[in-house]
């Protein structure tokens, strides 16, 4: 005997800008820590500094891009709902 299934809840909306900012700050902290201990890192592990720098740079790009993306999606949704 199968029990009736409940309707799926609506998807949760995340705050994209807050998530992007948090991750960007995390990359910045990791970069500062690695720069502080770079002399203790073996030369073969210095690529971690560049990884953190790249993550931080992409995070800054994301902070600029996310508002543009949200506006674009809102325009698209409005256009779709109006039928044009």
N, C-alpha and C. Protein backbone atom coordinates (compact mmCIF):
# COMPACT_ATOMS: atom_id res chain seq x y z
N UNK A 1 0.85 -1.16 0.00
CA UNK A 1 0.00 0.00 0.00
C UNK A 1 0.90 1.24 0.00
N UNK A 2 0.83 2.02 -1.06
CA UNK A 2 1.63 3.23 -1.18
C UNK A 2 0.95 4.40 -0.49
N UNK A 3 1.73 5.12 0.26
CA UNK A 3 1.18 6.32 0.89
C UNK A 3 1.18 7.44 -0.14
N UNK A 4 0.19 8.33 -0.06
CA UNK A 4 0.19 9.45 -1.00
C UNK A 4 1.38 10.38 -0.72
N UNK A 5 1.95 10.87 -1.79
CA UNK A 5 3.12 11.74 -1.65
C UNK A 5 2.68 13.19 -1.48
N UNK A 6 3.41 13.87 -0.64
CA UNK A 6 3.13 15.28 -0.46
C UNK A 6 3.72 16.08 -1.62
N UNK A 7 3.15 17.24 -1.83
CA UNK A 7 3.66 18.12 -2.89
C UNK A 7 5.03 18.64 -2.49
N UNK A 8 5.92 18.75 -3.45
CA UNK A 8 7.28 19.23 -3.18
C UNK A 8 7.23 20.71 -2.79
N UNK A 9 8.01 21.10 -1.80
CA UNK A 9 8.04 22.52 -1.42
C UNK A 9 8.72 23.35 -2.49
N UNK A 10 8.42 24.63 -2.53
CA UNK A 10 9.09 25.48 -3.52
C UNK A 10 10.58 25.58 -3.21
N UNK A 11 11.40 25.80 -4.23
CA UNK A 11 12.85 25.90 -3.98
C UNK A 11 13.17 27.14 -3.15
N UNK A 12 14.18 27.02 -2.32
CA UNK A 12 14.60 28.15 -1.52
C UNK A 12 15.47 29.09 -2.35
N UNK A 13 15.28 30.36 -2.16
CA UNK A 13 16.10 31.35 -2.85
C UNK A 13 17.26 31.74 -1.94
N UNK A 14 18.43 31.73 -2.46
CA UNK A 14 19.60 32.15 -1.70
C UNK A 14 19.95 33.58 -2.05
N UNK A 15 20.64 34.25 -1.16
CA UNK A 15 21.11 35.59 -1.41
C UNK A 15 22.44 35.48 -2.15
N UNK A 16 22.37 35.56 -3.47
CA UNK A 16 23.54 35.32 -4.30
C UNK A 16 24.68 36.28 -3.99
N UNK A 17 24.36 37.53 -3.75
CA UNK A 17 25.40 38.52 -3.48
C UNK A 17 26.09 38.24 -2.15
N UNK A 18 25.33 37.85 -1.14
CA UNK A 18 25.93 37.54 0.17
C UNK A 18 26.81 36.30 0.08
N UNK A 19 26.37 35.30 -0.67
CA UNK A 19 27.17 34.08 -0.83
C UNK A 19 28.47 34.40 -1.56
N UNK A 20 28.37 35.19 -2.63
CA UNK A 20 29.57 35.56 -3.39
C UNK A 20 30.53 36.37 -2.53
N UNK A 21 29.98 37.30 -1.74
CA UNK A 21 30.83 38.12 -0.86
C UNK A 21 31.52 37.25 0.19
N UNK A 22 30.80 36.31 0.76
CA UNK A 22 31.38 35.44 1.78
C UNK A 22 32.53 34.60 1.22
N UNK A 23 32.32 34.05 0.05
CA UNK A 23 33.36 33.22 -0.57
C UNK A 23 34.56 34.09 -0.95
N UNK A 24 34.31 35.30 -1.43
CA UNK A 24 35.40 36.20 -1.79
C UNK A 24 36.22 36.57 -0.56
N UNK A 25 35.55 36.85 0.54
CA UNK A 25 36.27 37.15 1.79
C UNK A 25 37.07 35.94 2.25
N UNK A 26 36.52 34.76 2.09
CA UNK A 26 37.25 33.54 2.48
C UNK A 26 38.53 33.39 1.66
N UNK A 27 38.45 33.65 0.36
CA UNK A 27 39.64 33.59 -0.49
C UNK A 27 40.65 34.65 -0.08
N UNK A 28 40.16 35.84 0.28
CA UNK A 28 41.06 36.92 0.71
C UNK A 28 41.77 36.53 2.01
N UNK A 29 41.05 35.94 2.94
CA UNK A 29 41.67 35.51 4.20
C UNK A 29 42.71 34.43 3.94
N UNK A 30 42.37 33.48 3.09
CA UNK A 30 43.33 32.42 2.76
C UNK A 30 44.58 33.01 2.10
N UNK A 31 44.39 34.01 1.24
CA UNK A 31 45.52 34.65 0.58
C UNK A 31 46.41 35.36 1.59
N UNK A 32 45.81 36.09 2.52
CA UNK A 32 46.60 36.79 3.54
C UNK A 32 47.37 35.80 4.41
N UNK A 33 46.72 34.71 4.80
CA UNK A 33 47.40 33.70 5.62
C UNK A 33 48.58 33.10 4.86
N UNK A 34 48.34 32.75 3.61
CA UNK A 34 49.43 32.14 2.83
C UNK A 34 50.56 33.11 2.58
N UNK A 35 50.24 34.39 2.38
CA UNK A 35 51.30 35.38 2.21
C UNK A 35 52.10 35.55 3.50
N UNK A 36 51.42 35.41 4.62
CA UNK A 36 52.11 35.54 5.91
C UNK A 36 53.06 34.38 6.17
N UNK A 37 52.73 33.20 5.68
CA UNK A 37 53.57 32.02 5.94
C UNK A 37 54.27 31.53 4.68
N UNK A 38 54.38 32.37 3.67
CA UNK A 38 54.94 31.90 2.40
C UNK A 38 56.39 31.42 2.53
N UNK A 39 57.14 31.96 3.51
CA UNK A 39 58.53 31.53 3.68
C UNK A 39 58.60 30.13 4.30
N UNK A 40 57.54 29.73 4.96
CA UNK A 40 57.51 28.39 5.54
C UNK A 40 57.02 27.34 4.54
N UNK A 41 56.44 27.80 3.44
CA UNK A 41 55.96 26.86 2.41
C UNK A 41 57.12 26.38 1.55
N UNK A 42 57.13 25.11 1.22
CA UNK A 42 58.14 24.66 0.27
C UNK A 42 57.85 25.28 -1.11
N UNK A 43 58.85 25.50 -1.90
CA UNK A 43 58.65 26.13 -3.22
C UNK A 43 57.62 25.42 -4.10
N UNK A 44 57.50 24.12 -3.93
CA UNK A 44 56.53 23.38 -4.75
C UNK A 44 55.08 23.66 -4.35
N UNK A 45 54.87 24.33 -3.21
CA UNK A 45 53.52 24.62 -2.74
C UNK A 45 53.12 26.09 -2.92
N UNK A 46 53.94 26.88 -3.57
CA UNK A 46 53.62 28.30 -3.77
C UNK A 46 52.45 28.50 -4.73
N UNK A 47 52.09 27.48 -5.45
CA UNK A 47 50.94 27.61 -6.34
C UNK A 47 49.67 27.89 -5.57
N UNK A 48 49.61 27.56 -4.29
CA UNK A 48 48.43 27.85 -3.48
C UNK A 48 48.18 29.35 -3.40
N UNK A 49 49.24 30.14 -3.37
CA UNK A 49 49.09 31.60 -3.33
C UNK A 49 48.38 32.08 -4.58
N UNK A 50 48.79 31.56 -5.73
CA UNK A 50 48.16 31.96 -6.99
C UNK A 50 46.71 31.47 -7.07
N UNK A 51 46.45 30.32 -6.47
CA UNK A 51 45.08 29.81 -6.44
C UNK A 51 44.18 30.75 -5.64
N UNK A 52 44.67 31.19 -4.48
CA UNK A 52 43.89 32.11 -3.65
C UNK A 52 43.71 33.46 -4.34
N UNK A 53 44.75 33.92 -5.00
CA UNK A 53 44.66 35.19 -5.73
C UNK A 53 43.64 35.09 -6.86
N UNK A 54 43.64 33.97 -7.57
CA UNK A 54 42.67 33.76 -8.63
C UNK A 54 41.25 33.67 -8.07
N UNK A 55 41.07 32.95 -6.97
CA UNK A 55 39.75 32.85 -6.33
C UNK A 55 39.24 34.21 -5.89
N UNK A 56 40.13 35.01 -5.31
CA UNK A 56 39.76 36.36 -4.88
C UNK A 56 39.38 37.22 -6.09
N UNK A 57 40.17 37.14 -7.15
CA UNK A 57 39.86 37.92 -8.36
C UNK A 57 38.54 37.52 -8.99
N UNK A 58 38.29 36.22 -9.06
CA UNK A 58 37.01 35.75 -9.61
C UNK A 58 35.85 36.13 -8.70
N UNK A 59 36.10 36.17 -7.39
CA UNK A 59 35.06 36.61 -6.46
C UNK A 59 34.71 38.07 -6.67
N UNK A 60 35.72 38.91 -6.90
CA UNK A 60 35.46 40.32 -7.19
C UNK A 60 34.66 40.47 -8.48
N UNK A 61 35.02 39.68 -9.49
CA UNK A 61 34.25 39.68 -10.73
C UNK A 61 32.81 39.26 -10.46
N UNK A 62 32.63 38.24 -9.63
CA UNK A 62 31.28 37.78 -9.29
C UNK A 62 30.47 38.85 -8.58
N UNK A 63 31.12 39.62 -7.70
CA UNK A 63 30.42 40.70 -7.00
C UNK A 63 29.92 41.76 -7.98
N UNK A 64 30.64 41.95 -9.06
CA UNK A 64 30.19 42.90 -10.09
C UNK A 64 29.14 42.27 -11.02
N UNK A 65 29.28 40.98 -11.27
CA UNK A 65 28.43 40.32 -12.26
C UNK A 65 27.07 39.89 -11.72
N UNK A 66 27.00 39.49 -10.46
CA UNK A 66 25.75 38.96 -9.89
C UNK A 66 24.59 39.98 -10.00
N UNK A 67 24.78 41.26 -9.64
CA UNK A 67 23.66 42.20 -9.80
C UNK A 67 23.21 42.33 -11.26
N UNK A 68 24.17 42.33 -12.18
CA UNK A 68 23.83 42.39 -13.61
C UNK A 68 23.01 41.17 -14.01
N UNK A 69 23.42 40.01 -13.55
CA UNK A 69 22.71 38.76 -13.87
C UNK A 69 21.29 38.78 -13.32
N UNK A 70 21.13 39.26 -12.08
CA UNK A 70 19.80 39.30 -11.46
C UNK A 70 18.88 40.27 -12.20
N UNK A 71 19.41 41.44 -12.62
CA UNK A 71 18.60 42.39 -13.39
C UNK A 71 18.20 41.79 -14.73
N UNK A 72 19.13 41.10 -15.37
CA UNK A 72 18.85 40.48 -16.66
C UNK A 72 17.77 39.40 -16.53
N UNK A 73 17.86 38.60 -15.49
CA UNK A 73 16.85 37.55 -15.28
C UNK A 73 15.49 38.16 -14.95
N UNK A 74 15.46 39.25 -14.20
CA UNK A 74 14.20 39.91 -13.87
C UNK A 74 13.56 40.48 -15.14
N UNK A 75 14.37 41.11 -15.99
CA UNK A 75 13.85 41.64 -17.27
C UNK A 75 13.30 40.52 -18.13
N UNK A 76 14.02 39.42 -18.21
CA UNK A 76 13.59 38.28 -19.02
C UNK A 76 12.28 37.70 -18.49
N UNK A 77 12.18 37.59 -17.16
CA UNK A 77 10.96 37.06 -16.56
C UNK A 77 9.77 37.99 -16.81
N UNK A 78 10.00 39.29 -16.69
CA UNK A 78 8.93 40.26 -16.94
C UNK A 78 8.48 40.20 -18.39
N UNK A 79 9.45 40.09 -19.29
CA UNK A 79 9.12 40.01 -20.72
C UNK A 79 8.32 38.75 -21.02
N UNK A 80 8.72 37.63 -20.40
CA UNK A 80 8.05 36.36 -20.62
C UNK A 80 6.60 36.40 -20.10
N UNK A 81 6.42 37.04 -18.93
CA UNK A 81 5.08 37.11 -18.34
C UNK A 81 4.15 38.03 -19.10
N UNK A 82 4.73 39.07 -19.72
CA UNK A 82 3.89 40.01 -20.49
C UNK A 82 3.57 39.46 -21.88
N UNK A 83 4.23 38.39 -22.26
CA UNK A 83 3.93 37.74 -23.54
C UNK A 83 4.68 38.34 -24.71
N UNK A 84 5.68 39.16 -24.45
CA UNK A 84 6.39 39.80 -25.56
C UNK A 84 7.76 39.42 -25.57
